[in-house]
Amino acid sequence: MRACHVVGVAVFATMLGWLPGAHAQEQPIRIIFPFAAGGSGDGLARLIADKMRSALNRPAIVENRTGAAGRPAITAVKNAAPDGSTLLITPIAPMAVYQHVYRNLEYDPIKDFAPVSQIATFDFAVAVGPQVPAASLKELVAWVKADASRASFGSPGTGTLPHFFGLLFGRAAGIELRHVPYKGSAATLSDLAAGHVPMVFTTISDFVEMHKAKRIRILATAGAARSPFVPDVPTFQEAGFSIQGTSWFGAFAPAGTPREIVDRYSAIMAAAARMGDVRDRFLGWGLQPTGTSAAEFAAIQKADAERWGLVAKASGFSAD
């Protein structure tokens, strides 16, 4: 594994045209992560920082800036010098959803940033508790239509993507679902297993352990293909509902950052996402490594902003 790491660093240096030691005296690259330390996103940011440090022979540090749903941290990156010394690594919501739910957002996710690379993705899913007899999505829809009091679903919180995806499913299924918000996934899953809420939408990784223990049942996953974490479970599309719900972690630089810097960083991150040690860690966190070019990521961000914007606006939800 050590030999592979050395070879990977050498490939980085050759590919990017950096000479050893050429940037050792430069100021550190600050990678701002707008949420607390300890979760999968924070771990992802620190792995990427480590690979950038090795590839560029330049310090790279992660700063956790919490509060106000990450908005002040993202504004700080917007206002940073566009010289490659400050980057943002963030989940999807601040860069593709917030503009649709905050009336007075301090930044424009599209105009104020240069997408660098999508680093990893994770999918949503729906699961039911033991009191629900449905073994498929179509059976679930029929069960809900038979009694309107059953038409409720839980999610980790109001305004989260699982909340919006639950509404998206309701529209696709022709049923009006009522949202039951929780503060985080733990309480949501506890109530699901206890039968207090019939169905829950959240990330696949939150469900897997309880699904395998047969305390709940995942009925469908929301990616374009089946999840490697529960390959026996069909996608929503396979189950007859043409909807998808994929989230991501990605890197951004301030708008105006020179294209050559963006492309260098993008190449490093894309290569890092394909390294065996990184892949293993990501999969352990329920993440699927991707590693895209800057142009590919810009297209993904734009498409997701349009997709989730339609759902958020239809819900009438406002975070202000």
Protein backbone atom coordinates (compact mmCIF):
# COMPACT_ATOMS: atom_id res chain seq x y z
CA MET A 1 0.00 0.00 0.00
CA ARG A 2 2.89 2.36 0.77
CA ALA A 3 4.42 1.73 -2.64
CA CYS A 4 1.09 2.51 -4.32
CA HIS A 5 0.90 5.77 -2.39
CA VAL A 6 4.39 6.82 -3.53
CA VAL A 7 3.59 5.95 -7.15
CA GLY A 8 0.35 7.92 -6.93
CA VAL A 9 2.16 11.00 -5.67
CA ALA A 10 4.73 10.70 -8.46
CA VAL A 11 1.95 10.49 -11.03
CA PHE A 12 0.37 13.61 -9.56
CA ALA A 13 3.64 15.54 -9.78
CA THR A 14 4.32 14.48 -13.36
CA MET A 15 0.77 15.06 -14.52
CA LEU A 16 0.48 18.51 -12.99
CA GLY A 17 3.94 19.80 -13.78
CA TRP A 18 4.90 20.57 -10.19
CA LEU A 19 8.53 20.33 -9.17
CA PRO A 20 9.27 18.86 -5.72
CA GLY A 21 9.59 21.62 -3.19
CA ALA A 22 8.56 24.37 -5.59
CA HIS A 23 5.59 25.39 -3.45
CA ALA A 24 6.75 24.21 -0.04
CA GLN A 25 7.08 27.79 1.17
CA GLU A 26 3.64 28.92 -0.02
CA GLN A 27 0.85 29.59 2.43
CA PRO A 28 -1.33 26.57 3.27
CA ILE A 29 -4.34 25.71 1.18
CA ARG A 30 -7.34 26.20 3.45
CA ILE A 31 -10.17 23.75 2.80
CA ILE A 32 -13.26 25.05 4.54
CA PHE A 33 -15.89 22.50 5.53
CA PRO A 34 -19.07 24.29 6.66
CA PHE A 35 -20.19 21.74 9.23
CA ALA A 36 -18.88 20.10 12.39
CA ALA A 37 -15.96 17.69 12.58
CA GLY A 38 -16.54 13.97 12.98
CA GLY A 39 -18.92 13.01 10.20
CA SER A 40 -18.33 11.43 6.81
CA GLY A 41 -18.11 14.79 5.05
CA ASP A 42 -15.45 16.01 7.43
CA GLY A 43 -13.52 12.77 6.99
CA LEU A 44 -13.76 13.12 3.22
CA ALA A 45 -12.41 16.68 3.37
CA ARG A 46 -9.45 15.57 5.48
CA LEU A 47 -8.59 12.71 3.13
CA ILE A 48 -8.64 15.09 0.16
CA ALA A 49 -6.49 17.59 2.06
CA ASP A 50 -3.95 14.84 2.73
CA LYS A 51 -3.79 13.89 -0.96
CA MET A 52 -3.42 17.52 -2.01
CA ARG A 53 -0.63 18.00 0.50
CA SER A 54 1.24 15.04 -0.95
CA ALA A 55 0.64 15.94 -4.59
CA LEU A 56 1.55 19.60 -4.31
CA ASN A 57 4.19 19.43 -1.57
CA ARG A 58 2.27 22.26 0.03
CA PRO A 59 0.42 22.40 3.36
CA ALA A 60 -3.34 21.80 3.15
CA ILE A 61 -5.54 22.15 6.22
CA VAL A 62 -9.25 21.67 6.90
CA GLU A 63 -11.16 24.33 8.80
CA ASN A 64 -14.57 23.47 10.25
CA ARG A 65 -16.73 26.58 10.32
CA THR A 66 -20.12 25.77 11.80
CA GLY A 67 -23.32 27.71 12.37
CA ALA A 68 -26.28 29.05 10.38
CA ALA A 69 -26.49 25.90 8.22
CA GLY A 70 -23.01 26.57 6.88
CA ARG A 71 -23.89 29.85 5.15
CA PRO A 72 -21.27 32.11 6.82
CA ALA A 73 -18.53 29.60 5.96
CA ILE A 74 -19.56 29.51 2.34
CA THR A 75 -19.74 33.31 2.19
CA ALA A 76 -16.18 33.41 3.56
CA VAL A 77 -15.01 31.27 0.65
CA LYS A 78 -16.88 33.50 -1.79
CA ASN A 79 -15.01 36.51 -0.40
CA ALA A 80 -11.58 34.81 -0.31
CA ALA A 81 -8.84 35.72 -2.77
CA PRO A 82 -9.27 33.69 -6.00
CA ASP A 83 -5.69 32.45 -5.96
CA GLY A 84 -6.12 28.77 -5.10
CA SER A 85 -5.34 29.20 -1.41
CA THR A 86 -8.96 28.77 -0.21
CA LEU A 87 -11.35 26.00 -1.22
CA LEU A 88 -14.77 24.81 -0.10
CA ILE A 89 -15.77 21.18 0.32
CA THR A 90 -19.48 20.85 0.99
CA PRO A 91 -22.49 18.58 0.58
CA ILE A 92 -25.02 19.40 -2.11
CA ALA A 93 -27.59 21.47 -0.20
CA PRO A 94 -25.70 24.78 0.23
CA MET A 95 -24.80 24.81 -3.47
CA ALA A 96 -27.97 23.51 -5.14
CA VAL A 97 -30.88 23.91 -2.69
CA TYR A 98 -30.34 26.89 -0.38
CA GLN A 99 -30.98 29.41 -3.14
CA HIS A 100 -34.51 28.02 -3.39
CA VAL A 101 -35.37 28.10 0.33
CA TYR A 102 -33.54 31.19 1.65
CA ARG A 103 -34.90 34.51 0.43
CA ASN A 104 -31.81 36.45 1.47
CA LEU A 105 -28.90 34.14 0.76
CA GLU A 106 -25.57 35.94 1.04
CA TYR A 107 -24.07 34.25 -2.00
CA ASP A 108 -25.00 32.92 -5.44
CA PRO A 109 -23.99 29.22 -5.61
CA ILE A 110 -23.55 29.37 -9.38
CA LYS A 111 -22.06 32.80 -10.06
CA ASP A 112 -19.84 33.18 -6.98
CA PHE A 113 -17.96 29.88 -7.24
CA ALA A 114 -15.90 27.80 -9.64
CA PRO A 115 -16.78 24.07 -9.41
CA VAL A 116 -13.63 21.97 -9.01
CA SER A 117 -14.70 18.33 -8.66
CA GLN A 118 -17.52 16.17 -7.45
CA ILE A 119 -15.72 13.85 -5.03
CA ALA A 120 -18.33 11.32 -3.90
CA THR A 121 -22.04 10.62 -4.04
CA PHE A 122 -24.60 9.00 -1.78
CA ASP A 123 -28.19 8.01 -2.49
CA PHE A 124 -31.46 8.28 -0.64
CA ALA A 125 -33.92 5.49 0.05
CA VAL A 126 -37.32 4.82 1.56
CA ALA A 127 -37.88 2.26 4.29
CA VAL A 128 -40.95 1.07 6.15
CA GLY A 129 -41.39 -0.23 9.66
CA PRO A 130 -42.53 -3.71 10.73
CA GLN A 131 -46.19 -2.66 11.00
CA VAL A 132 -46.38 -1.86 7.28
CA PRO A 133 -47.31 -4.98 5.25
CA ALA A 134 -45.96 -3.63 1.94
CA ALA A 135 -43.06 -5.51 0.35
CA SER A 136 -42.75 -3.19 -2.65
CA LEU A 137 -43.32 0.45 -3.56
CA LYS A 138 -46.52 -0.35 -5.45
CA GLU A 139 -47.86 -2.23 -2.43
CA LEU A 140 -46.89 0.73 -0.24
CA VAL A 141 -48.80 3.16 -2.46
CA ALA A 142 -51.86 0.91 -2.44
CA TRP A 143 -51.66 0.57 1.36
CA VAL A 144 -51.50 4.36 1.78
CA LYS A 145 -54.34 5.00 -0.68
CA ALA A 146 -56.56 2.58 1.25
CA ASP A 147 -56.38 4.78 4.37
CA ALA A 148 -55.39 8.47 4.24
CA SER A 149 -54.27 8.39 7.89
CA ARG A 150 -51.27 6.32 6.77
CA ALA A 151 -50.00 9.02 4.40
CA SER A 152 -47.13 10.38 6.48
CA PHE A 153 -43.38 10.07 6.28
CA GLY A 154 -40.44 11.02 8.42
CA SER A 155 -37.12 12.63 7.47
CA PRO A 156 -34.06 13.94 9.35
CA GLY A 157 -35.40 17.49 9.19
CA THR A 158 -37.50 20.11 7.44
CA GLY A 159 -35.86 21.48 4.33
CA THR A 160 -33.45 18.56 3.95
CA LEU A 161 -33.19 16.68 0.67
CA PRO A 162 -34.85 13.57 2.17
CA HIS A 163 -37.81 15.83 3.03
CA PHE A 164 -38.00 17.07 -0.56
CA PHE A 165 -37.46 13.60 -1.99
CA GLY A 166 -40.37 12.27 0.05
CA LEU A 167 -42.57 14.97 -1.47
CA LEU A 168 -41.21 14.12 -4.92
CA PHE A 169 -42.20 10.49 -4.42
CA GLY A 170 -45.67 11.49 -3.27
CA ARG A 171 -46.17 13.51 -6.46
CA ALA A 172 -44.89 10.64 -8.62
CA ALA A 173 -47.18 8.17 -6.83
CA GLY A 174 -50.25 10.40 -6.91
CA ILE A 175 -50.60 10.58 -3.13
CA GLU A 176 -50.41 13.58 -0.81
CA LEU A 177 -47.87 12.71 1.85
CA ARG A 178 -47.61 14.61 5.13
CA HIS A 179 -44.10 15.35 6.35
CA VAL A 180 -43.08 14.52 9.93
CA PRO A 181 -39.76 16.28 10.61
CA TYR A 182 -37.22 14.99 13.12
CA LYS A 183 -33.94 16.36 14.43
CA GLY A 184 -31.50 13.98 12.79
CA SER A 185 -31.69 10.40 11.63
CA ALA A 186 -31.39 8.59 14.97
CA ALA A 187 -34.79 9.68 16.31
CA THR A 188 -36.38 9.13 12.90
CA LEU A 189 -35.19 5.53 12.67
CA SER A 190 -36.17 4.81 16.26
CA ASP A 191 -39.75 5.89 15.58
CA LEU A 192 -39.80 3.95 12.30
CA ALA A 193 -38.80 0.71 14.02
CA ALA A 194 -41.30 1.35 16.81
CA GLY A 195 -44.16 1.90 14.37
CA HIS A 196 -44.75 5.58 15.18
CA VAL A 197 -44.22 6.64 11.57
CA PRO A 198 -44.98 4.31 8.63
CA MET A 199 -42.16 5.30 6.28
CA VAL A 200 -38.93 7.29 6.34
CA PHE A 201 -36.79 8.87 3.65
CA THR A 202 -33.09 9.36 4.40
CA THR A 203 -29.68 8.26 3.16
CA ILE A 204 -29.05 4.58 2.47
CA SER A 205 -26.19 4.44 4.95
CA ASP A 206 -28.58 5.38 7.78
CA PHE A 207 -30.81 2.42 6.95
CA VAL A 208 -28.38 -0.39 6.16
CA GLU A 209 -27.70 -1.79 9.64
CA MET A 210 -31.37 -1.93 10.67
CA HIS A 211 -32.38 -3.30 7.26
CA LYS A 212 -29.92 -6.17 7.54
CA ALA A 213 -31.15 -6.86 11.07
CA LYS A 214 -34.71 -6.99 9.64
CA ARG A 215 -35.94 -4.28 12.00
CA ILE A 216 -37.03 -2.21 8.99
CA ARG A 217 -37.31 -2.85 5.24
CA ILE A 218 -35.78 -0.70 2.53
CA LEU A 219 -38.20 -0.78 -0.39
CA ALA A 220 -36.29 1.27 -2.96
CA THR A 221 -33.10 3.24 -3.44
CA ALA A 222 -32.93 6.51 -5.34
CA GLY A 223 -29.82 6.25 -7.50
CA ALA A 224 -29.59 5.65 -11.23
CA ALA A 225 -28.33 2.12 -10.47
CA ARG A 226 -28.74 -0.24 -7.52
CA SER A 227 -26.75 0.61 -4.44
CA PRO A 228 -23.70 -1.58 -3.73
CA PHE A 229 -24.69 -1.42 -0.06
CA VAL A 230 -28.07 -3.12 -0.63
CA PRO A 231 -27.84 -4.70 -4.11
CA ASP A 232 -30.97 -6.78 -3.50
CA VAL A 233 -33.14 -3.65 -3.31
CA PRO A 234 -34.55 -2.16 -6.55
CA THR A 235 -34.26 1.49 -7.53
CA PHE A 236 -37.32 3.74 -7.70
CA GLN A 237 -37.06 3.59 -11.48
CA GLU A 238 -37.00 -0.21 -11.47
CA ALA A 239 -40.07 -0.12 -9.23
CA GLY A 240 -41.95 2.00 -11.77
CA PHE A 241 -41.35 5.56 -10.51
CA SER A 242 -39.21 7.83 -12.70
CA ILE A 243 -37.44 9.76 -9.94
CA GLN A 244 -33.88 9.88 -8.65
CA GLY A 245 -32.31 11.30 -5.51
CA THR A 246 -28.54 11.40 -5.46
CA SER A 247 -26.58 13.70 -3.19
CA TRP A 248 -22.89 14.54 -3.28
CA PHE A 249 -19.84 16.12 -1.72
CA GLY A 250 -17.90 18.45 -3.96
CA ALA A 251 -15.15 21.04 -4.02
CA PHE A 252 -15.43 24.67 -5.11
CA ALA A 253 -13.05 27.62 -5.45
CA PRO A 254 -14.00 31.32 -5.41
CA ALA A 255 -15.18 32.65 -8.78
CA GLY A 256 -12.29 34.12 -10.73
CA THR A 257 -9.78 31.48 -9.67
CA PRO A 258 -7.48 30.92 -12.70
CA ARG A 259 -8.54 28.00 -14.87
CA GLU A 260 -5.11 26.35 -14.65
CA ILE A 261 -5.38 26.21 -10.84
CA VAL A 262 -8.93 24.84 -10.97
CA ASP A 263 -7.87 22.17 -13.46
CA ARG A 264 -4.83 21.17 -11.39
CA TYR A 265 -6.90 20.78 -8.24
CA SER A 266 -9.62 18.94 -10.14
CA ALA A 267 -7.09 16.44 -11.50
CA ILE A 268 -5.68 15.82 -8.02
CA MET A 269 -9.10 15.22 -6.49
CA ALA A 270 -10.28 12.99 -9.31
CA ALA A 271 -7.14 10.88 -9.04
CA ALA A 272 -7.42 10.75 -5.24
CA ALA A 273 -11.00 9.48 -5.41
CA ARG A 274 -9.78 6.50 -7.44
CA MET A 275 -7.00 5.52 -5.00
CA GLY A 276 -7.63 2.26 -3.18
CA ASP A 277 -7.19 3.64 0.33
CA VAL A 278 -9.56 6.53 -0.34
CA ARG A 279 -12.14 4.30 -2.00
CA ASP A 280 -12.12 1.91 0.95
CA ARG A 281 -12.65 4.73 3.44
CA PHE A 282 -15.44 6.27 1.37
CA LEU A 283 -17.30 2.98 1.02
CA GLY A 284 -16.99 2.47 4.76
CA TRP A 285 -18.82 5.77 5.22
CA GLY A 286 -21.56 4.85 2.76
CA LEU A 287 -20.11 7.08 0.02
CA GLN A 288 -19.41 6.13 -3.58
CA PRO A 289 -16.25 7.81 -4.91
CA THR A 290 -16.56 9.65 -8.20
CA GLY A 291 -13.94 12.30 -8.99
CA THR A 292 -15.11 14.42 -11.91
CA SER A 293 -13.61 17.15 -14.04
CA ALA A 294 -14.50 20.75 -13.27
CA ALA A 295 -16.75 20.95 -16.35
CA GLU A 296 -18.58 17.75 -15.45
CA PHE A 297 -19.17 18.99 -11.93
CA ALA A 298 -20.48 22.36 -13.15
CA ALA A 299 -23.07 20.52 -15.26
CA ILE A 300 -24.05 18.32 -12.31
CA GLN A 301 -24.48 21.32 -10.01
CA LYS A 302 -26.63 23.18 -12.53
CA ALA A 303 -28.87 20.16 -13.20
CA ASP A 304 -29.32 19.43 -9.50
CA ALA A 305 -30.12 23.07 -8.72
CA GLU A 306 -32.89 22.94 -11.31
CA ARG A 307 -34.18 19.55 -10.14
CA TRP A 308 -34.37 20.33 -6.45
CA GLY A 309 -35.54 23.88 -7.08
CA LEU A 310 -38.75 22.61 -8.65
CA VAL A 311 -39.47 20.36 -5.68
CA ALA A 312 -38.56 22.97 -3.06
CA LYS A 313 -40.77 25.60 -4.67
CA ALA A 314 -43.68 23.19 -5.03
CA SER A 315 -43.42 22.37 -1.32
CA GLY A 316 -43.79 26.01 -0.32
CA PHE A 317 -41.04 25.58 2.27
CA SER A 318 -38.99 28.61 3.33
CA ALA A 319 -36.01 28.47 5.67
CA ASP A 320 -36.23 32.17 6.62
